[in-house]
Amino acid sequence: MRIARVVGNVVSTVKDAGFVGYKLMIISYIDEPQKRDIAFDAADAGVGDIVLVVADGGASNIALGDSEIIADVTICGVVDNYTLGKTIYDCH
């Protein structure tokens, strides 16, 4: 799992039938802000949210509740706060 910020969304009117009904978001990793990915959203996240992401197909299948979907990165939770060293980051 990694922590990332949702920086945008993806709108696609033409896509694989297996992807219909799933929201896609653009994320930027907290520890690598220059690295961005497109992630399926299983947590109803929005732009600006700090989120937990999994980068594993099997974990993505479980988070999305769909054993047929092929997903590399999935948002599985919205973070309220986190602590790094002695610093507490409030995400709201």
N, C-alpha and C. Protein backbone atom coordinates (compact mmCIF):
# COMPACT_ATOMS: atom_id res chain seq x y z
N MET A 1 0.84 -1.19 0.00
CA MET A 1 0.00 0.00 0.00
C MET A 1 0.88 1.24 0.00
N ARG A 2 0.34 2.27 -0.62
CA ARG A 2 1.03 3.56 -0.65
C ARG A 2 0.01 4.66 -0.38
N ILE A 3 0.53 5.83 -0.01
CA ILE A 3 -0.32 6.99 0.20
C ILE A 3 -0.14 7.93 -0.99
N ALA A 4 -1.26 8.42 -1.48
CA ALA A 4 -1.24 9.32 -2.64
C ALA A 4 -2.30 10.40 -2.49
N ARG A 5 -2.21 11.40 -3.34
CA ARG A 5 -3.22 12.46 -3.40
C ARG A 5 -3.93 12.33 -4.75
N VAL A 6 -5.25 12.46 -4.72
CA VAL A 6 -6.01 12.46 -5.97
C VAL A 6 -5.86 13.84 -6.59
N VAL A 7 -5.34 13.88 -7.83
CA VAL A 7 -5.08 15.17 -8.48
C VAL A 7 -5.99 15.41 -9.69
N GLY A 8 -6.77 14.42 -10.07
CA GLY A 8 -7.66 14.61 -11.21
C GLY A 8 -8.51 13.37 -11.44
N ASN A 9 -9.38 13.48 -12.42
CA ASN A 9 -10.19 12.33 -12.77
C ASN A 9 -10.09 12.07 -14.27
N VAL A 10 -10.54 10.91 -14.69
CA VAL A 10 -10.49 10.52 -16.08
C VAL A 10 -11.91 10.25 -16.54
N VAL A 11 -12.30 10.87 -17.65
CA VAL A 11 -13.61 10.62 -18.25
C VAL A 11 -13.36 9.91 -19.57
N SER A 12 -13.98 8.75 -19.71
CA SER A 12 -13.80 7.96 -20.92
C SER A 12 -15.15 7.44 -21.38
N THR A 13 -15.62 7.93 -22.51
CA THR A 13 -16.93 7.49 -23.00
C THR A 13 -16.83 6.18 -23.77
N VAL A 14 -15.65 5.87 -24.28
CA VAL A 14 -15.44 4.62 -24.99
C VAL A 14 -14.39 3.83 -24.23
N LYS A 15 -14.79 2.66 -23.70
CA LYS A 15 -13.86 1.84 -22.94
C LYS A 15 -14.30 0.39 -22.97
N ASP A 16 -13.44 -0.48 -22.50
CA ASP A 16 -13.75 -1.90 -22.41
C ASP A 16 -15.02 -2.08 -21.58
N ALA A 17 -15.87 -2.98 -22.00
CA ALA A 17 -17.14 -3.22 -21.30
C ALA A 17 -16.93 -3.58 -19.84
N GLY A 18 -15.81 -4.21 -19.50
CA GLY A 18 -15.53 -4.58 -18.12
C GLY A 18 -15.24 -3.39 -17.22
N PHE A 19 -14.94 -2.22 -17.81
CA PHE A 19 -14.62 -1.03 -17.03
C PHE A 19 -15.84 -0.12 -16.82
N VAL A 20 -16.95 -0.42 -17.44
CA VAL A 20 -18.15 0.41 -17.31
C VAL A 20 -18.62 0.40 -15.85
N GLY A 21 -18.90 1.59 -15.34
CA GLY A 21 -19.38 1.72 -13.97
C GLY A 21 -18.28 1.98 -12.95
N TYR A 22 -17.02 1.95 -13.38
CA TYR A 22 -15.92 2.21 -12.45
C TYR A 22 -15.37 3.62 -12.68
N LYS A 23 -15.11 4.33 -11.58
CA LYS A 23 -14.55 5.68 -11.64
C LYS A 23 -13.02 5.56 -11.69
N LEU A 24 -12.40 6.35 -12.56
CA LEU A 24 -10.94 6.38 -12.68
C LEU A 24 -10.44 7.74 -12.21
N MET A 25 -9.38 7.72 -11.39
CA MET A 25 -8.81 8.94 -10.84
C MET A 25 -7.31 8.99 -11.16
N ILE A 26 -6.78 10.20 -11.27
CA ILE A 26 -5.34 10.40 -11.42
C ILE A 26 -4.77 10.67 -10.04
N ILE A 27 -3.74 9.92 -9.67
CA ILE A 27 -3.14 10.08 -8.34
C ILE A 27 -1.68 10.48 -8.47
N SER A 28 -1.18 11.17 -7.45
CA SER A 28 0.22 11.55 -7.32
C SER A 28 0.69 11.02 -5.97
N TYR A 29 1.74 10.24 -5.96
CA TYR A 29 2.23 9.63 -4.72
C TYR A 29 2.85 10.68 -3.80
N ILE A 30 2.56 10.57 -2.51
CA ILE A 30 3.08 11.52 -1.52
C ILE A 30 4.61 11.48 -1.49
N ASP A 31 5.20 10.29 -1.55
CA ASP A 31 6.66 10.17 -1.48
C ASP A 31 7.35 10.36 -2.82
N GLU A 32 6.59 10.42 -3.91
CA GLU A 32 7.13 10.66 -5.26
C GLU A 32 6.14 11.54 -6.01
N PRO A 33 6.04 12.82 -5.67
CA PRO A 33 5.00 13.68 -6.25
C PRO A 33 5.04 13.76 -7.78
N GLN A 34 6.20 13.54 -8.36
CA GLN A 34 6.31 13.61 -9.82
C GLN A 34 5.77 12.36 -10.51
N LYS A 35 5.56 11.29 -9.75
CA LYS A 35 5.04 10.04 -10.32
C LYS A 35 3.52 10.04 -10.21
N ARG A 36 2.86 9.85 -11.34
CA ARG A 36 1.40 9.81 -11.37
C ARG A 36 0.93 8.50 -11.97
N ASP A 37 -0.23 8.07 -11.52
CA ASP A 37 -0.86 6.85 -12.02
C ASP A 37 -2.35 7.11 -12.20
N ILE A 38 -2.97 6.26 -12.98
CA ILE A 38 -4.42 6.24 -13.08
C ILE A 38 -4.88 5.06 -12.23
N ALA A 39 -5.84 5.31 -11.35
CA ALA A 39 -6.29 4.29 -10.41
C ALA A 39 -7.81 4.14 -10.46
N PHE A 40 -8.27 2.90 -10.33
CA PHE A 40 -9.69 2.65 -10.12
C PHE A 40 -10.02 3.14 -8.72
N ASP A 41 -11.23 3.63 -8.53
CA ASP A 41 -11.64 4.17 -7.23
C ASP A 41 -12.68 3.26 -6.58
N ALA A 42 -12.27 2.57 -5.51
CA ALA A 42 -13.18 1.71 -4.76
C ALA A 42 -13.60 2.37 -3.45
N ALA A 43 -13.22 3.64 -3.24
CA ALA A 43 -13.48 4.31 -1.96
C ALA A 43 -14.24 5.62 -2.10
N ASP A 44 -14.75 5.90 -3.29
CA ASP A 44 -15.50 7.13 -3.54
C ASP A 44 -14.68 8.38 -3.18
N ALA A 45 -13.42 8.39 -3.63
CA ALA A 45 -12.52 9.51 -3.38
C ALA A 45 -12.82 10.66 -4.33
N GLY A 46 -12.33 11.83 -3.97
CA GLY A 46 -12.49 13.00 -4.82
C GLY A 46 -11.17 13.72 -5.00
N VAL A 47 -11.12 14.64 -5.93
CA VAL A 47 -9.90 15.41 -6.18
C VAL A 47 -9.51 16.14 -4.90
N GLY A 48 -8.23 16.04 -4.54
CA GLY A 48 -7.71 16.66 -3.32
C GLY A 48 -7.61 15.70 -2.15
N ASP A 49 -8.33 14.58 -2.19
CA ASP A 49 -8.28 13.61 -1.09
C ASP A 49 -6.92 12.92 -1.02
N ILE A 50 -6.50 12.62 0.20
CA ILE A 50 -5.34 11.76 0.43
C ILE A 50 -5.90 10.35 0.55
N VAL A 51 -5.31 9.41 -0.19
CA VAL A 51 -5.88 8.07 -0.29
C VAL A 51 -4.84 6.98 -0.10
N LEU A 52 -5.33 5.79 0.28
CA LEU A 52 -4.51 4.59 0.29
C LEU A 52 -4.71 3.89 -1.04
N VAL A 53 -3.61 3.48 -1.66
CA VAL A 53 -3.73 2.76 -2.92
C VAL A 53 -2.99 1.43 -2.84
N VAL A 54 -3.53 0.45 -3.54
CA VAL A 54 -2.85 -0.84 -3.69
C VAL A 54 -2.41 -0.95 -5.13
N ALA A 55 -1.24 -1.50 -5.34
CA ALA A 55 -0.70 -1.69 -6.68
C ALA A 55 -0.49 -3.17 -6.91
N ASP A 56 -1.57 -3.92 -6.79
CA ASP A 56 -1.52 -5.37 -6.93
C ASP A 56 -2.85 -5.82 -7.52
N GLY A 57 -2.81 -6.59 -8.57
CA GLY A 57 -4.03 -7.02 -9.24
C GLY A 57 -4.98 -7.78 -8.34
N GLY A 58 -4.46 -8.71 -7.53
CA GLY A 58 -5.31 -9.49 -6.64
C GLY A 58 -5.99 -8.63 -5.59
N ALA A 59 -5.23 -7.70 -5.00
CA ALA A 59 -5.80 -6.80 -4.01
C ALA A 59 -6.82 -5.87 -4.65
N SER A 60 -6.55 -5.45 -5.89
CA SER A 60 -7.50 -4.61 -6.60
C SER A 60 -8.81 -5.35 -6.84
N ASN A 61 -8.73 -6.61 -7.21
CA ASN A 61 -9.94 -7.42 -7.41
C ASN A 61 -10.78 -7.47 -6.15
N ILE A 62 -10.13 -7.65 -5.00
CA ILE A 62 -10.85 -7.71 -3.72
C ILE A 62 -11.46 -6.35 -3.39
N ALA A 63 -10.69 -5.27 -3.54
CA ALA A 63 -11.19 -3.93 -3.21
C ALA A 63 -12.37 -3.54 -4.09
N LEU A 64 -12.32 -3.92 -5.35
CA LEU A 64 -13.40 -3.58 -6.28
C LEU A 64 -14.55 -4.57 -6.23
N GLY A 65 -14.31 -5.72 -5.60
CA GLY A 65 -15.35 -6.75 -5.53
C GLY A 65 -15.64 -7.37 -6.87
N ASP A 66 -14.63 -7.46 -7.72
CA ASP A 66 -14.80 -7.96 -9.08
C ASP A 66 -13.59 -8.81 -9.45
N SER A 67 -13.77 -10.11 -9.53
CA SER A 67 -12.65 -11.01 -9.82
C SER A 67 -12.27 -11.00 -11.30
N GLU A 68 -13.06 -10.39 -12.14
CA GLU A 68 -12.81 -10.38 -13.58
C GLU A 68 -12.02 -9.17 -14.07
N ILE A 69 -12.05 -8.07 -13.31
CA ILE A 69 -11.44 -6.84 -13.79
C ILE A 69 -9.91 -6.91 -13.70
N ILE A 70 -9.26 -6.32 -14.67
CA ILE A 70 -7.79 -6.25 -14.67
C ILE A 70 -7.41 -4.84 -14.25
N ALA A 71 -6.81 -4.70 -13.07
CA ALA A 71 -6.46 -3.38 -12.54
C ALA A 71 -5.09 -3.45 -11.89
N ASP A 72 -4.24 -2.47 -12.18
CA ASP A 72 -2.93 -2.39 -11.56
C ASP A 72 -2.95 -1.59 -10.27
N VAL A 73 -3.67 -0.46 -10.27
CA VAL A 73 -3.67 0.44 -9.12
C VAL A 73 -5.13 0.74 -8.75
N THR A 74 -5.45 0.60 -7.46
CA THR A 74 -6.81 0.86 -6.99
C THR A 74 -6.78 1.65 -5.69
N ILE A 75 -7.63 2.66 -5.62
CA ILE A 75 -7.81 3.42 -4.38
C ILE A 75 -8.71 2.58 -3.49
N CYS A 76 -8.21 2.26 -2.28
CA CYS A 76 -8.99 1.39 -1.39
C CYS A 76 -9.41 2.08 -0.10
N GLY A 77 -9.01 3.34 0.09
CA GLY A 77 -9.43 4.06 1.29
C GLY A 77 -9.08 5.53 1.22
N VAL A 78 -9.85 6.36 1.92
CA VAL A 78 -9.56 7.79 2.05
C VAL A 78 -8.97 8.00 3.43
N VAL A 79 -7.82 8.68 3.50
CA VAL A 79 -7.07 8.86 4.74
C VAL A 79 -7.57 10.09 5.49
N ASP A 80 -7.82 9.94 6.80
CA ASP A 80 -8.20 11.07 7.65
C ASP A 80 -6.96 11.83 8.13
N ASN A 81 -5.95 11.09 8.60
CA ASN A 81 -4.68 11.68 8.99
C ASN A 81 -3.63 10.59 9.04
N TYR A 82 -2.37 11.00 9.04
CA TYR A 82 -1.27 10.05 9.18
C TYR A 82 -0.12 10.73 9.89
N THR A 83 0.75 9.92 10.50
CA THR A 83 1.89 10.42 11.26
C THR A 83 3.17 9.95 10.61
N LEU A 84 4.09 10.87 10.43
CA LEU A 84 5.41 10.56 9.89
C LEU A 84 6.42 11.17 10.84
N GLY A 85 7.14 10.30 11.56
CA GLY A 85 8.01 10.79 12.61
C GLY A 85 7.17 11.38 13.72
N LYS A 86 7.40 12.64 14.05
CA LYS A 86 6.61 13.31 15.09
C LYS A 86 5.57 14.25 14.49
N THR A 87 5.48 14.26 13.17
CA THR A 87 4.54 15.16 12.50
C THR A 87 3.25 14.45 12.17
N ILE A 88 2.14 15.03 12.57
CA ILE A 88 0.82 14.49 12.24
C ILE A 88 0.25 15.31 11.09
N TYR A 89 -0.13 14.64 10.02
CA TYR A 89 -0.72 15.30 8.86
C TYR A 89 -2.23 15.07 8.88
N ASP A 90 -2.97 16.16 9.00
CA ASP A 90 -4.43 16.09 8.95
C ASP A 90 -4.84 16.25 7.49
N CYS A 91 -5.60 15.34 6.99
CA CYS A 91 -5.91 15.32 5.56
C CYS A 91 -7.22 16.02 5.21
N HIS A 92 -7.80 16.73 6.14
CA HIS A 92 -9.07 17.41 5.84
C HIS A 92 -8.94 18.88 5.99
